[in-house]
Amino acid sequence: MKFLQNFKSIKNEINNYSKKTNLIVVTKNQDFSKITCLINEGHKDFGENRIQEAKRKWEFFFQNNSQVNLHFIGKLQSNKIKGIGNLFNFIHSLDNIKNAELLAEQNKTRQSKTKQNKTQQNKTKQNIT
């Protein structure tokens, strides 16, 4: 499996520079069998930028597993916030106040949390502080 050798090589190279760096493997358009190989190697952080694809791939996995962190890395549109649900642990692309408020409201009203949503908000053109 060449992809697994490539992954190990990249991870080792990153670790040579810094043990504090966290590698997020983007799994867009990848078969879950490849992802499973990486999970079996101990990797825990994966990124997706398509909510529907992420749901298809990850919802079943998360029913019985919680050791993996899923990162949303794409542009988050306000009409997609409901789709985020309990699926993603991190959101890397929150870029406006409206979406921040919608996400905060969703987190407040959600009755059964299975994961804690954590957000990382990037500075925006609106100079959110």
Protein backbone atom coordinates (compact mmCIF):
# COMPACT_ATOMS: atom_id res chain seq x y z
CA MET A 1 0.00 0.00 0.00
CA LYS A 2 1.90 2.96 -1.32
CA PHE A 3 -0.40 5.53 0.28
CA LEU A 4 0.39 4.09 3.72
CA GLN A 5 4.13 4.29 3.07
CA ASN A 6 3.68 7.90 1.91
CA PHE A 7 1.68 8.72 5.02
CA LYS A 8 4.32 7.27 7.34
CA SER A 9 7.08 9.12 5.50
CA ILE A 10 5.25 12.45 5.73
CA LYS A 11 4.37 11.91 9.39
CA ASN A 12 8.00 11.08 10.24
CA GLU A 13 9.26 14.14 8.40
CA ILE A 14 6.79 16.37 10.25
CA ASN A 15 7.78 14.81 13.58
CA ASN A 16 11.43 15.58 12.82
CA TYR A 17 10.53 19.29 12.76
CA SER A 18 8.06 19.39 15.62
CA LYS A 19 6.34 16.91 17.91
CA LYS A 20 3.62 19.51 18.54
CA THR A 21 2.43 19.65 14.92
CA ASN A 22 -0.84 17.86 14.29
CA LEU A 23 -1.29 16.30 10.85
CA ILE A 24 -4.85 16.39 9.51
CA VAL A 25 -5.40 13.87 6.73
CA VAL A 26 -7.96 15.14 4.23
CA THR A 27 -10.11 12.23 3.10
CA LYS A 28 -12.09 13.89 0.30
CA ASN A 29 -13.06 11.30 -2.33
CA GLN A 30 -11.21 8.51 -0.50
CA ASP A 31 -12.53 5.05 0.16
CA PHE A 32 -13.09 4.27 3.83
CA SER A 33 -10.83 1.20 3.61
CA LYS A 34 -7.85 3.53 3.19
CA ILE A 35 -9.03 5.65 6.10
CA THR A 36 -9.36 2.53 8.23
CA CYS A 37 -5.73 1.66 7.50
CA LEU A 38 -4.66 5.06 8.85
CA ILE A 39 -6.88 4.69 11.92
CA ASN A 40 -5.32 1.27 12.55
CA GLU A 41 -1.90 2.98 12.38
CA GLY A 42 -3.03 5.22 15.23
CA HIS A 43 -3.88 8.37 13.29
CA LYS A 44 -6.72 10.34 14.85
CA ASP A 45 -7.28 13.57 12.88
CA PHE A 46 -9.11 13.66 9.56
CA GLY A 47 -10.48 16.55 7.51
CA GLU A 48 -13.46 16.90 5.24
CA ASN A 49 -14.78 19.85 3.27
CA ARG A 50 -18.02 18.33 2.05
CA ILE A 51 -20.68 17.75 4.67
CA GLN A 52 -22.73 15.23 2.70
CA GLU A 53 -19.68 13.12 1.84
CA ALA A 54 -18.51 13.27 5.44
CA LYS A 55 -21.88 12.05 6.68
CA ARG A 56 -21.84 9.11 4.27
CA LYS A 57 -18.34 8.14 5.33
CA TRP A 58 -18.26 8.88 9.04
CA GLU A 59 -21.72 8.62 10.65
CA PHE A 60 -21.68 4.83 10.84
CA PHE A 61 -18.09 4.80 12.09
CA PHE A 62 -18.89 7.24 14.92
CA GLN A 63 -21.76 5.09 16.19
CA ASN A 64 -19.22 2.76 17.79
CA ASN A 65 -16.01 4.79 17.83
CA SER A 66 -15.09 8.13 19.31
CA GLN A 67 -11.30 8.09 19.20
CA VAL A 68 -11.11 10.06 15.94
CA ASN A 69 -11.34 13.84 15.52
CA LEU A 70 -13.11 15.07 12.41
CA HIS A 71 -12.21 18.56 11.16
CA PHE A 72 -14.41 20.61 8.83
CA ILE A 73 -11.99 22.49 6.58
CA GLY A 74 -14.17 23.96 3.82
CA LYS A 75 -16.12 27.17 3.52
CA LEU A 76 -19.04 26.89 5.89
CA GLN A 77 -22.25 28.16 4.35
CA SER A 78 -25.10 29.22 6.65
CA ASN A 79 -27.49 26.73 5.01
CA LYS A 80 -25.06 23.88 5.83
CA ILE A 81 -24.68 24.58 9.56
CA LYS A 82 -27.53 22.24 10.49
CA GLY A 83 -25.68 19.51 8.61
CA ILE A 84 -22.64 19.91 10.85
CA GLY A 85 -24.57 18.37 13.74
CA ASN A 86 -22.52 16.17 16.01
CA LEU A 87 -20.25 15.02 13.22
CA PHE A 88 -17.34 17.47 13.39
CA ASN A 89 -15.09 18.11 16.39
CA PHE A 90 -13.42 21.16 14.88
CA ILE A 91 -14.45 23.82 12.38
CA HIS A 92 -11.48 25.57 10.79
CA SER A 93 -13.26 27.94 8.46
CA LEU A 94 -15.76 29.99 10.42
CA ASP A 95 -15.39 33.37 8.77
CA ASN A 96 -18.32 35.59 9.74
CA ILE A 97 -20.42 36.57 12.72
CA LYS A 98 -23.69 35.33 11.23
CA ASN A 99 -22.37 31.77 10.94
CA ALA A 100 -20.79 31.99 14.39
CA GLU A 101 -24.15 32.97 15.86
CA LEU A 102 -25.99 30.22 13.97
CA LEU A 103 -23.48 27.64 15.15
CA ALA A 104 -23.69 28.90 18.73
CA GLU A 105 -27.49 28.71 18.61
CA GLN A 106 -27.36 25.19 17.22
CA ASN A 107 -25.03 24.15 20.03
CA LYS A 108 -27.39 25.64 22.64
CA THR A 109 -30.53 23.97 21.30
CA ARG A 110 -29.08 20.56 20.56
CA GLN A 111 -30.65 18.12 23.03
CA SER A 112 -28.41 15.09 22.75
CA LYS A 113 -24.76 15.96 22.32
CA THR A 114 -22.53 13.04 21.54
CA LYS A 115 -19.52 15.20 20.77
CA GLN A 116 -18.46 18.63 21.82
CA ASN A 117 -18.25 21.09 18.96
CA LYS A 118 -15.11 23.14 19.14
CA THR A 119 -14.61 26.03 16.81
CA GLN A 120 -11.58 27.85 15.69
CA GLN A 121 -12.50 31.20 14.24
CA ASN A 122 -10.23 32.78 11.68
CA LYS A 123 -9.84 36.53 11.47
CA THR A 124 -12.18 37.84 8.85
CA LYS A 125 -12.66 40.86 6.68
CA GLN A 126 -15.03 42.05 9.38
CA ASN A 127 -12.16 42.13 11.90
CA ILE A 128 -13.86 39.90 14.41
CA THR A 129 -12.01 40.12 17.70
